[in-house]
Amino acid sequence: MDHMLRRQIEKIVPLTDSEFDHVLSFFVKKKYRKHQFVIQQGDPVNYEYFVVSGLLKSYILDESGKMYIMQFAMEDWWFSDYTAYLNGAVANSFADCLEDSELLGITKENKDKLCREMHKIEHFFRVKSNYGYVALQRRIFSLLCNDTQKKYNELFELYPSLFQRVPKALLAAYIGVSRETLSRLSISSGRKTQED
């Protein structure tokens, strides 16, 4: 479990064994079952999570109950409701598990303390935040500017494993189309997706 976090950190900064042990001491290990909530709208958000294993979705619901998926989070990814996490507010979104999942969580207080103590880790989190901004900007651009076929193709090119792990209805909610439209796109492109 711990080696995945170390491997990710060391893509950006090297760590000695004792440094990594110190970093790891700031995290808590959490296990969740499929369909279990990690974050619920209206609740405080105490952790930023690193996904060790499993798959989660982060989403909001409109007044009619329609789901808008903001993010899927799989192995080696970070997620939270960042507005709530960073501002000490309550969640605006939900996050639940599409598979049994193992996560490492870090509180804002521990993250701030760790970053003050270790410049390397502060640098790591800054670089990861920058990558996150780039990915978010790319997603917003895609949603605003790309046609449905291009959104579908882009999702497949970036994350092909999602098409085997995520039901069609959820992939459709991610790119903002109906399940039926997604099925037509799957057929026209010759790609198979997981059934609901």
Protein backbone atom coordinates (compact mmCIF):
# COMPACT_ATOMS: atom_id res chain seq x y z
CA MET A 1 0.00 0.00 0.00
CA ASP A 2 2.68 2.48 1.03
CA HIS A 3 4.97 1.83 -1.93
CA MET A 4 2.48 3.42 -4.36
CA LEU A 5 2.58 6.73 -2.49
CA ARG A 6 6.37 6.62 -2.32
CA ARG A 7 6.63 5.84 -6.02
CA GLN A 8 4.39 8.80 -6.86
CA ILE A 9 6.31 11.22 -4.64
CA GLU A 10 9.63 10.02 -6.04
CA LYS A 11 8.52 10.82 -9.59
CA ILE A 12 9.01 14.42 -8.44
CA VAL A 13 11.37 14.39 -5.43
CA PRO A 14 13.72 11.71 -4.03
CA LEU A 15 13.20 10.49 -0.46
CA THR A 16 15.30 8.47 1.93
CA ASP A 17 13.64 5.62 3.82
CA SER A 18 13.48 7.69 6.99
CA GLU A 19 12.03 10.68 5.12
CA PHE A 20 9.33 8.53 3.59
CA ASP A 21 8.51 6.95 6.97
CA HIS A 22 8.09 10.47 8.34
CA VAL A 23 5.82 11.45 5.44
CA LEU A 24 3.74 8.31 5.84
CA SER A 25 3.23 9.01 9.55
CA PHE A 26 1.03 11.98 8.56
CA PHE A 27 -1.43 9.78 6.63
CA VAL A 28 -4.20 7.48 7.82
CA LYS A 29 -5.14 4.28 5.99
CA LYS A 30 -8.80 3.87 5.13
CA LYS A 31 -10.74 1.06 3.48
CA TYR A 32 -14.14 1.47 1.85
CA ARG A 33 -16.54 -1.00 0.28
CA LYS A 34 -18.12 -0.69 -3.14
CA HIS A 35 -20.98 1.87 -3.05
CA GLN A 36 -19.78 3.32 0.28
CA PHE A 37 -19.61 7.12 0.55
CA VAL A 38 -16.27 8.74 1.26
CA ILE A 39 -17.65 12.29 1.04
CA GLN A 40 -21.29 13.35 1.40
CA GLN A 41 -22.75 16.72 0.55
CA GLY A 42 -23.25 18.83 3.67
CA ASP A 43 -20.63 17.00 5.75
CA PRO A 44 -17.23 18.37 6.74
CA VAL A 45 -14.33 17.18 4.59
CA ASN A 46 -11.38 16.28 6.76
CA TYR A 47 -9.08 14.58 4.25
CA GLU A 48 -7.43 14.80 0.91
CA TYR A 49 -7.15 11.22 -0.37
CA PHE A 50 -4.59 9.27 -2.35
CA VAL A 51 -6.10 6.21 -4.05
CA VAL A 52 -4.02 3.10 -3.41
CA SER A 53 -6.52 0.70 -4.96
CA GLY A 54 -10.04 0.88 -6.27
CA LEU A 55 -12.08 3.41 -8.18
CA LEU A 56 -14.28 6.29 -7.02
CA LYS A 57 -16.48 8.94 -8.55
CA SER A 58 -16.92 12.52 -7.38
CA TYR A 59 -20.18 14.18 -8.38
CA ILE A 60 -22.94 16.65 -7.71
CA LEU A 61 -26.70 16.27 -8.06
CA ASP A 62 -28.98 18.99 -9.36
CA GLU A 63 -32.43 19.70 -7.91
CA SER A 64 -34.03 17.06 -10.11
CA GLY A 65 -31.51 14.42 -9.03
CA LYS A 66 -29.50 14.45 -12.26
CA MET A 67 -25.89 13.44 -11.66
CA TYR A 68 -22.91 15.42 -12.95
CA ILE A 69 -19.65 13.53 -12.51
CA MET A 70 -16.70 15.83 -11.95
CA GLN A 71 -14.01 13.21 -11.57
CA PHE A 72 -13.22 9.55 -11.50
CA ALA A 73 -10.34 8.71 -9.17
CA MET A 74 -8.40 5.50 -9.63
CA GLU A 75 -5.11 4.13 -8.41
CA ASP A 76 -2.34 6.72 -8.02
CA TRP A 77 -4.78 9.69 -8.10
CA TRP A 78 -5.63 12.33 -5.50
CA PHE A 79 -9.13 13.63 -4.78
CA SER A 80 -11.24 15.53 -2.28
CA ASP A 81 -13.92 18.19 -2.23
CA TYR A 82 -11.19 20.81 -2.28
CA THR A 83 -13.39 23.81 -1.56
CA ALA A 84 -14.53 22.19 1.68
CA TYR A 85 -11.13 20.65 2.51
CA LEU A 86 -9.15 23.86 2.06
CA ASN A 87 -11.69 26.26 3.56
CA GLY A 88 -12.96 24.18 6.47
CA ALA A 89 -16.45 24.21 4.94
CA VAL A 90 -18.96 21.44 4.27
CA ALA A 91 -18.94 19.40 1.08
CA ASN A 92 -20.78 20.57 -2.01
CA SER A 93 -20.29 17.20 -3.67
CA PHE A 94 -20.41 13.47 -3.09
CA ALA A 95 -17.69 10.85 -3.57
CA ASP A 96 -18.42 7.14 -3.45
CA CYS A 97 -16.70 3.93 -4.36
CA LEU A 98 -17.32 2.12 -7.63
CA GLU A 99 -15.07 -0.69 -6.36
CA ASP A 100 -13.73 -1.70 -2.97
CA SER A 101 -11.07 0.92 -2.32
CA GLU A 102 -8.03 1.53 -0.15
CA LEU A 103 -7.09 5.14 0.45
CA LEU A 104 -4.49 7.15 2.29
CA GLY A 105 -5.92 10.34 3.80
CA ILE A 106 -4.16 13.44 5.05
CA THR A 107 -5.81 16.26 7.00
CA LYS A 108 -5.17 19.84 6.01
CA GLU A 109 -3.43 20.46 9.33
CA ASN A 110 -1.10 17.50 8.79
CA LYS A 111 -0.44 18.47 5.19
CA ASP A 112 0.43 22.04 6.21
CA LYS A 113 2.68 20.79 9.03
CA LEU A 114 4.41 18.27 6.76
CA CYS A 115 4.99 20.93 4.10
CA ARG A 116 6.48 23.30 6.70
CA GLU A 117 8.82 20.54 7.91
CA MET A 118 9.90 19.20 4.51
CA HIS A 119 10.55 21.51 1.59
CA LYS A 120 10.66 18.45 -0.70
CA ILE A 121 7.06 17.57 0.14
CA GLU A 122 5.90 21.16 -0.22
CA HIS A 123 7.47 21.10 -3.70
CA PHE A 124 5.78 17.75 -4.45
CA PHE A 125 2.32 19.04 -3.51
CA ARG A 126 2.86 22.27 -5.47
CA VAL A 127 3.77 20.32 -8.60
CA LYS A 128 0.79 17.96 -8.12
CA SER A 129 -1.52 20.97 -7.69
CA ASN A 130 -0.19 22.47 -10.91
CA TYR A 131 -0.86 19.19 -12.75
CA GLY A 132 -4.37 19.23 -11.28
CA TYR A 133 -4.99 22.77 -12.55
CA VAL A 134 -3.86 21.77 -16.02
CA ALA A 135 -6.14 18.71 -16.02
CA LEU A 136 -9.09 20.76 -14.76
CA GLN A 137 -8.53 23.42 -17.42
CA ARG A 138 -8.34 20.71 -20.11
CA ARG A 139 -11.61 19.19 -18.84
CA ILE A 140 -13.42 22.54 -18.79
CA PHE A 141 -12.15 23.33 -22.29
CA SER A 142 -13.35 19.94 -23.53
CA LEU A 143 -16.80 20.37 -21.97
CA LEU A 144 -17.21 23.86 -23.42
CA CYS A 145 -15.67 23.44 -26.85
CA ASN A 146 -15.69 19.83 -28.01
CA ASP A 147 -18.52 17.98 -29.69
CA THR A 148 -19.77 14.75 -28.16
CA GLN A 149 -17.63 12.48 -30.35
CA LYS A 150 -14.47 14.39 -29.51
CA LYS A 151 -15.24 14.30 -25.74
CA TYR A 152 -15.77 10.55 -25.98
CA ASN A 153 -12.56 9.98 -27.96
CA GLU A 154 -10.55 12.19 -25.62
CA LEU A 155 -11.80 10.30 -22.56
CA PHE A 156 -10.91 6.99 -24.16
CA GLU A 157 -7.45 8.17 -25.20
CA LEU A 158 -6.64 9.55 -21.75
CA TYR A 159 -8.20 6.79 -19.61
CA PRO A 160 -8.95 3.63 -21.62
CA SER A 161 -9.24 1.45 -18.49
CA LEU A 162 -12.31 3.41 -17.37
CA PHE A 163 -14.26 1.89 -20.25
CA GLN A 164 -13.81 -1.56 -18.70
CA ARG A 165 -14.37 -0.47 -15.10
CA VAL A 166 -17.17 2.10 -15.24
CA PRO A 167 -20.80 1.50 -16.31
CA LYS A 168 -21.99 3.30 -19.45
CA ALA A 169 -24.45 5.48 -17.55
CA LEU A 170 -21.62 6.93 -15.44
CA LEU A 171 -19.33 7.51 -18.41
CA ALA A 172 -22.24 9.30 -20.07
CA ALA A 173 -22.73 11.49 -16.98
CA TYR A 174 -19.02 12.35 -17.04
CA ILE A 175 -19.05 13.62 -20.63
CA GLY A 176 -22.54 15.12 -20.33
CA VAL A 177 -24.54 12.91 -22.70
CA SER A 178 -27.32 10.36 -22.36
CA ARG A 179 -26.54 6.66 -21.96
CA GLU A 180 -28.10 6.04 -25.36
CA THR A 181 -25.80 8.57 -27.01
CA LEU A 182 -22.81 6.94 -25.34
CA SER A 183 -23.94 3.54 -26.66
CA ARG A 184 -24.11 4.95 -30.19
CA LEU A 185 -20.63 6.43 -29.80
CA SER A 186 -19.32 3.07 -28.53
CA ILE A 187 -20.80 1.23 -31.50
CA SER A 188 -19.59 3.76 -34.07
CA SER A 189 -16.06 3.70 -32.66
CA GLY A 190 -15.99 -0.09 -32.23
CA ARG A 191 -15.12 0.24 -28.51
CA LYS A 192 -16.64 -1.93 -25.84
CA THR A 193 -17.76 -0.45 -22.54
CA GLN A 194 -18.93 -2.05 -19.34
CA GLU A 195 -22.66 -2.63 -19.22
CA ASP A 196 -24.69 -1.06 -16.41
